[in-house]
Amino acid sequence: MNPRNLLVGITLGFFLVLLSLFFVGVPWASETHEVPLFDPSGPAVANEQFTTYMVTLILIALLLSSAMIGGVYLAKREEKT
């Protein structure tokens, strides 16, 4: 096994465990109700995302951006033989 592949696998596993730990402690609502997208005077999905979950949203955006850049890099890389 290539040491680089092992390092990539360990790093990916670490990030997946870290990401799953963010979602374990979130108190998810269990009842079904209408969710307003935006309400300037009260709680809504957009208000919650950019106030309460701002750090989590930024971390997920950075993780997805780096995964996209890494995917493009790996797709364009030429194999050395």
Protein backbone atom coordinates (compact mmCIF):
# COMPACT_ATOMS: atom_id res chain seq x y z
CA MET A 1 0.00 0.00 0.00
CA ASN A 2 1.25 3.44 -0.93
CA PRO A 3 2.02 5.64 2.12
CA ARG A 4 0.33 8.60 0.42
CA ASN A 5 -2.91 6.66 -0.01
CA LEU A 6 -2.77 5.62 3.63
CA LEU A 7 -2.30 9.24 4.73
CA VAL A 8 -5.21 10.38 2.56
CA GLY A 9 -7.43 7.64 3.99
CA ILE A 10 -6.55 8.51 7.57
CA THR A 11 -7.12 12.23 6.95
CA LEU A 12 -10.45 11.59 5.27
CA GLY A 13 -11.56 9.34 8.10
CA PHE A 14 -10.55 11.98 10.65
CA PHE A 15 -12.57 14.69 8.88
CA LEU A 16 -15.62 12.43 8.57
CA VAL A 17 -15.49 11.64 12.30
CA LEU A 18 -15.03 15.33 13.11
CA LEU A 19 -17.94 16.30 10.87
CA SER A 20 -20.18 13.64 12.39
CA LEU A 21 -19.36 14.91 15.90
CA PHE A 22 -20.74 18.32 14.93
CA PHE A 23 -24.12 16.75 14.20
CA VAL A 24 -24.34 14.53 17.29
CA GLY A 25 -24.91 17.35 19.75
CA VAL A 26 -27.48 19.26 17.67
CA PRO A 27 -30.99 19.13 19.19
CA TRP A 28 -33.01 18.18 16.10
CA ALA A 29 -36.71 19.04 16.12
CA SER A 30 -38.89 15.94 15.98
CA GLU A 31 -42.29 17.46 15.26
CA THR A 32 -43.44 18.40 11.77
CA HIS A 33 -44.30 22.03 11.14
CA GLU A 34 -44.04 24.66 8.43
CA VAL A 35 -40.58 26.21 8.22
CA PRO A 36 -40.41 29.83 7.05
CA LEU A 37 -37.34 30.57 4.94
CA PHE A 38 -36.91 34.20 5.92
CA ASP A 39 -38.67 36.36 8.47
CA PRO A 40 -37.02 39.66 9.42
CA SER A 41 -38.83 39.84 12.74
CA GLY A 42 -38.34 36.31 14.04
CA PRO A 43 -36.75 32.90 13.71
CA ALA A 44 -36.46 31.45 10.22
CA VAL A 45 -34.11 29.09 8.39
CA ALA A 46 -31.88 31.83 6.95
CA ASN A 47 -31.74 33.71 10.24
CA GLU A 48 -30.71 30.55 12.13
CA GLN A 49 -28.07 29.57 9.57
CA PHE A 50 -26.29 32.89 9.62
CA THR A 51 -26.52 33.52 13.37
CA THR A 52 -26.60 30.32 15.41
CA TYR A 53 -24.84 27.95 12.99
CA MET A 54 -22.48 30.45 11.35
CA VAL A 55 -19.23 28.67 12.32
CA THR A 56 -20.56 25.27 11.27
CA LEU A 57 -21.77 26.69 7.96
CA ILE A 58 -18.36 28.24 7.26
CA LEU A 59 -16.54 24.99 8.15
CA ILE A 60 -18.78 22.96 5.85
CA ALA A 61 -18.26 25.49 3.04
CA LEU A 62 -14.47 25.27 3.47
CA LEU A 63 -14.56 21.48 3.56
CA LEU A 64 -16.67 21.24 0.40
CA SER A 65 -14.54 23.83 -1.40
CA SER A 66 -11.32 22.02 -0.56
CA ALA A 67 -12.85 18.70 -1.66
CA MET A 68 -13.85 20.24 -4.99
CA ILE A 69 -10.39 21.74 -5.54
CA GLY A 70 -8.74 18.43 -4.60
CA GLY A 71 -11.02 16.53 -6.97
CA VAL A 72 -10.13 18.84 -9.86
CA TYR A 73 -6.44 18.52 -9.02
CA LEU A 74 -6.60 14.72 -8.94
CA ALA A 75 -8.60 14.59 -12.17
CA LYS A 76 -6.10 16.76 -14.06
CA ARG A 77 -2.95 15.15 -12.62
CA GLU A 78 -0.96 12.94 -14.95
CA GLU A 79 0.21 9.57 -13.71
CA LYS A 80 3.98 9.11 -13.45
CA THR A 81 5.04 5.72 -14.80
